[in-house]
């Protein structure tokens, strides 16, 4: 798993975090225990380290994500 960033605050559309790299929209995000917390909804700001809006998964409160470090699964190289 690769650290995406820590959730800074709750925005109008969902929790917002500052990413250390540009992720892909729609990619699932996980907490440190590998529990799925939601998907990447939108990106904005600088290209190299954008802000990310997270759409929480059903049953996950956006308010409880504030201060939580979120991760994405690394895409490995596919073998033929």
N, C-alpha and C. Protein backbone atom coordinates (compact mmCIF):
# COMPACT_ATOMS: atom_id res chain seq x y z
N UNK A 1 0.84 -1.18 0.00
CA UNK A 1 0.00 0.00 0.00
C UNK A 1 0.88 1.24 0.00
N UNK A 2 0.38 2.28 -0.64
CA UNK A 2 1.13 3.52 -0.77
C UNK A 2 0.35 4.64 -0.08
N UNK A 3 1.03 5.42 0.77
CA UNK A 3 0.38 6.50 1.50
C UNK A 3 -0.07 7.59 0.54
N UNK A 4 -1.37 7.89 0.57
CA UNK A 4 -1.92 8.96 -0.25
C UNK A 4 -1.82 10.28 0.49
N UNK A 5 -2.20 10.29 1.76
CA UNK A 5 -2.14 11.51 2.57
C UNK A 5 -3.07 11.41 3.75
N UNK A 6 -3.11 12.48 4.55
CA UNK A 6 -3.96 12.55 5.73
C UNK A 6 -5.12 13.50 5.46
N UNK A 7 -6.32 13.09 5.84
CA UNK A 7 -7.51 13.92 5.61
C UNK A 7 -7.40 15.19 6.45
N UNK A 8 -7.52 16.34 5.79
CA UNK A 8 -7.37 17.63 6.46
C UNK A 8 -8.67 18.12 7.10
N UNK A 9 -9.74 18.09 6.32
CA UNK A 9 -11.02 18.56 6.83
C UNK A 9 -12.16 18.05 5.96
N UNK A 10 -13.37 18.33 6.40
CA UNK A 10 -14.57 17.90 5.68
C UNK A 10 -15.06 19.06 4.82
N UNK A 11 -15.10 18.86 3.51
CA UNK A 11 -15.57 19.88 2.59
C UNK A 11 -17.04 19.68 2.26
N UNK A 12 -17.56 20.49 1.36
CA UNK A 12 -18.96 20.40 0.95
C UNK A 12 -19.25 19.08 0.25
N UNK A 13 -18.32 18.64 -0.63
CA UNK A 13 -18.53 17.41 -1.39
C UNK A 13 -18.00 16.17 -0.71
N UNK A 14 -17.21 16.34 0.36
CA UNK A 14 -16.65 15.19 1.07
C UNK A 14 -15.33 15.55 1.74
N UNK A 15 -14.70 14.56 2.39
CA UNK A 15 -13.41 14.79 3.03
C UNK A 15 -12.33 15.19 2.02
N UNK A 16 -11.46 16.12 2.43
CA UNK A 16 -10.40 16.62 1.56
C UNK A 16 -9.04 16.29 2.16
N UNK A 17 -8.12 15.81 1.32
CA UNK A 17 -6.76 15.57 1.78
C UNK A 17 -5.77 16.11 0.77
N UNK A 18 -4.54 16.35 1.22
CA UNK A 18 -3.45 16.81 0.35
C UNK A 18 -2.64 15.58 -0.02
N UNK A 19 -2.62 15.24 -1.30
CA UNK A 19 -1.91 14.04 -1.77
C UNK A 19 -0.45 14.35 -2.04
N UNK A 20 0.40 13.35 -1.88
CA UNK A 20 1.82 13.52 -2.14
C UNK A 20 2.16 13.19 -3.60
N UNK A 21 1.18 12.69 -4.34
CA UNK A 21 1.33 12.37 -5.76
C UNK A 21 -0.05 12.40 -6.39
N UNK A 22 -0.15 12.53 -7.72
CA UNK A 22 -1.47 12.58 -8.36
C UNK A 22 -2.07 11.18 -8.56
N UNK A 23 -3.13 10.85 -7.84
CA UNK A 23 -3.79 9.55 -8.02
C UNK A 23 -4.81 9.61 -9.16
N UNK A 24 -5.44 8.49 -9.43
CA UNK A 24 -6.46 8.41 -10.48
C UNK A 24 -7.85 8.56 -9.87
N UNK A 25 -8.73 9.26 -10.57
CA UNK A 25 -10.12 9.42 -10.12
C UNK A 25 -10.81 8.06 -10.16
N UNK A 26 -11.56 7.75 -9.13
CA UNK A 26 -12.29 6.49 -9.05
C UNK A 26 -11.53 5.39 -8.33
N UNK A 27 -10.26 5.62 -8.03
CA UNK A 27 -9.43 4.62 -7.36
C UNK A 27 -9.89 4.47 -5.91
N UNK A 28 -9.99 3.23 -5.41
CA UNK A 28 -10.40 3.03 -4.01
C UNK A 28 -9.30 3.44 -3.03
N UNK A 29 -9.71 3.95 -1.86
CA UNK A 29 -8.77 4.32 -0.80
C UNK A 29 -9.05 3.48 0.43
N UNK A 30 -8.00 3.21 1.20
CA UNK A 30 -8.08 2.32 2.35
C UNK A 30 -7.44 2.97 3.57
N UNK A 31 -7.81 2.49 4.78
CA UNK A 31 -7.13 2.95 5.99
C UNK A 31 -5.94 2.04 6.24
N UNK A 32 -5.25 2.21 7.35
CA UNK A 32 -4.05 1.43 7.63
C UNK A 32 -4.34 -0.05 7.88
N UNK A 33 -5.60 -0.38 8.19
CA UNK A 33 -5.99 -1.77 8.42
C UNK A 33 -6.54 -2.43 7.15
N UNK A 34 -6.33 -1.78 6.01
CA UNK A 34 -6.77 -2.25 4.69
C UNK A 34 -8.28 -2.35 4.55
N UNK A 35 -9.01 -1.52 5.32
CA UNK A 35 -10.47 -1.45 5.17
C UNK A 35 -10.77 -0.34 4.17
N UNK A 36 -11.64 -0.64 3.20
CA UNK A 36 -11.98 0.34 2.15
C UNK A 36 -12.79 1.47 2.77
N UNK A 37 -12.30 2.70 2.58
CA UNK A 37 -12.94 3.88 3.15
C UNK A 37 -13.73 4.67 2.12
N UNK A 38 -13.49 4.42 0.83
CA UNK A 38 -14.21 5.14 -0.21
C UNK A 38 -13.42 5.17 -1.50
N UNK A 39 -13.79 6.11 -2.38
CA UNK A 39 -13.13 6.27 -3.68
C UNK A 39 -12.70 7.71 -3.87
N UNK A 40 -11.73 7.93 -4.75
CA UNK A 40 -11.31 9.28 -5.10
C UNK A 40 -12.38 9.87 -6.01
N UNK A 41 -12.94 11.00 -5.60
CA UNK A 41 -14.05 11.63 -6.31
C UNK A 41 -13.56 12.72 -7.27
N UNK A 42 -12.61 13.54 -6.81
CA UNK A 42 -12.16 14.66 -7.63
C UNK A 42 -10.78 15.11 -7.18
N UNK A 43 -10.06 15.78 -8.09
CA UNK A 43 -8.74 16.34 -7.82
C UNK A 43 -8.78 17.82 -8.15
N UNK A 44 -8.06 18.64 -7.37
CA UNK A 44 -7.92 20.05 -7.71
C UNK A 44 -6.63 20.59 -7.10
N UNK A 45 -6.19 21.72 -7.62
CA UNK A 45 -4.96 22.33 -7.11
C UNK A 45 -3.76 21.99 -7.96
N UNK A 46 -2.55 22.05 -7.37
CA UNK A 46 -1.32 21.81 -8.14
C UNK A 46 -1.25 20.39 -8.68
N UNK A 47 -0.66 20.25 -9.86
CA UNK A 47 -0.63 18.96 -10.54
C UNK A 47 0.24 17.93 -9.80
N UNK A 48 1.39 18.34 -9.29
CA UNK A 48 2.32 17.40 -8.67
C UNK A 48 1.84 16.90 -7.30
N UNK A 49 1.14 17.72 -6.55
CA UNK A 49 0.62 17.29 -5.25
C UNK A 49 -0.77 17.91 -5.05
N UNK A 50 -1.78 17.32 -5.69
CA UNK A 50 -3.13 17.91 -5.68
C UNK A 50 -3.88 17.65 -4.38
N UNK A 51 -4.95 18.40 -4.21
CA UNK A 51 -5.90 18.11 -3.15
C UNK A 51 -6.88 17.10 -3.72
N UNK A 52 -7.36 16.20 -2.87
CA UNK A 52 -8.21 15.10 -3.31
C UNK A 52 -9.50 15.12 -2.50
N UNK A 53 -10.63 14.99 -3.18
CA UNK A 53 -11.92 14.84 -2.51
C UNK A 53 -12.26 13.35 -2.52
N UNK A 54 -12.62 12.83 -1.36
CA UNK A 54 -12.96 11.42 -1.19
C UNK A 54 -14.47 11.27 -1.08
N UNK A 55 -15.02 10.32 -1.81
CA UNK A 55 -16.43 9.95 -1.65
C UNK A 55 -16.45 8.75 -0.71
N UNK A 56 -16.92 8.94 0.54
CA UNK A 56 -16.89 7.84 1.51
C UNK A 56 -17.74 6.65 1.06
N UNK A 57 -17.28 5.45 1.43
CA UNK A 57 -18.03 4.23 1.15
C UNK A 57 -19.29 4.21 2.01
N UNK A 58 -20.27 3.41 1.63
CA UNK A 58 -21.49 3.32 2.43
C UNK A 58 -21.15 2.77 3.81
N UNK A 59 -21.69 3.40 4.82
CA UNK A 59 -21.41 2.99 6.19
C UNK A 59 -20.22 3.71 6.80
N UNK A 60 -19.53 4.55 6.02
CA UNK A 60 -18.38 5.30 6.52
C UNK A 60 -18.77 6.78 6.59
N UNK A 61 -18.61 7.36 7.77
CA UNK A 61 -18.94 8.77 7.96
C UNK A 61 -17.76 9.64 7.54
N UNK A 62 -18.03 10.67 6.76
CA UNK A 62 -16.97 11.57 6.32
C UNK A 62 -16.33 12.30 7.49
N UNK A 63 -17.12 12.59 8.54
CA UNK A 63 -16.61 13.28 9.71
C UNK A 63 -15.57 12.45 10.45
N UNK A 64 -15.73 11.13 10.44
CA UNK A 64 -14.80 10.25 11.15
C UNK A 64 -13.49 10.06 10.39
N UNK A 65 -13.43 10.49 9.13
CA UNK A 65 -12.21 10.36 8.33
C UNK A 65 -11.22 11.49 8.58
N UNK A 66 -11.66 12.58 9.21
CA UNK A 66 -10.77 13.72 9.45
C UNK A 66 -9.63 13.29 10.37
N UNK A 67 -8.40 13.51 9.90
CA UNK A 67 -7.21 13.15 10.67
C UNK A 67 -6.69 11.75 10.39
N UNK A 68 -7.40 10.97 9.57
CA UNK A 68 -7.02 9.60 9.26
C UNK A 68 -6.11 9.58 8.03
N UNK A 69 -5.04 8.78 8.09
CA UNK A 69 -4.17 8.59 6.93
C UNK A 69 -4.81 7.57 5.99
N UNK A 70 -4.86 7.91 4.70
CA UNK A 70 -5.47 7.02 3.71
C UNK A 70 -4.41 6.53 2.73
N UNK A 71 -4.63 5.35 2.22
CA UNK A 71 -3.68 4.67 1.34
C UNK A 71 -4.38 4.20 0.08
N UNK A 72 -3.59 3.93 -0.98
CA UNK A 72 -4.11 3.27 -2.17
C UNK A 72 -3.26 2.03 -2.40
N UNK A 73 -3.82 1.07 -3.09
CA UNK A 73 -3.07 -0.13 -3.44
C UNK A 73 -2.16 0.19 -4.61
N UNK A 74 -0.91 -0.23 -4.51
CA UNK A 74 0.03 0.01 -5.58
C UNK A 74 -0.28 -0.90 -6.75
N UNK A 75 -0.20 -0.35 -7.93
CA UNK A 75 -0.44 -1.13 -9.13
C UNK A 75 0.86 -1.82 -9.50
N UNK A 76 0.88 -3.13 -9.41
CA UNK A 76 2.10 -3.87 -9.73
C UNK A 76 2.25 -4.06 -11.22
N UNK A 77 3.42 -4.45 -11.62
CA UNK A 77 3.66 -4.73 -13.03
C UNK A 77 3.02 -6.07 -13.38
N UNK A 78 2.31 -6.09 -14.47
CA UNK A 78 1.66 -7.33 -14.89
C UNK A 78 2.62 -8.18 -15.69
N UNK A 79 2.60 -9.46 -15.43
CA UNK A 79 3.43 -10.38 -16.20
C UNK A 79 2.62 -11.01 -17.29
N UNK A 80 3.28 -11.34 -18.35
CA UNK A 80 2.57 -11.98 -19.47
C UNK A 80 2.76 -13.46 -19.42
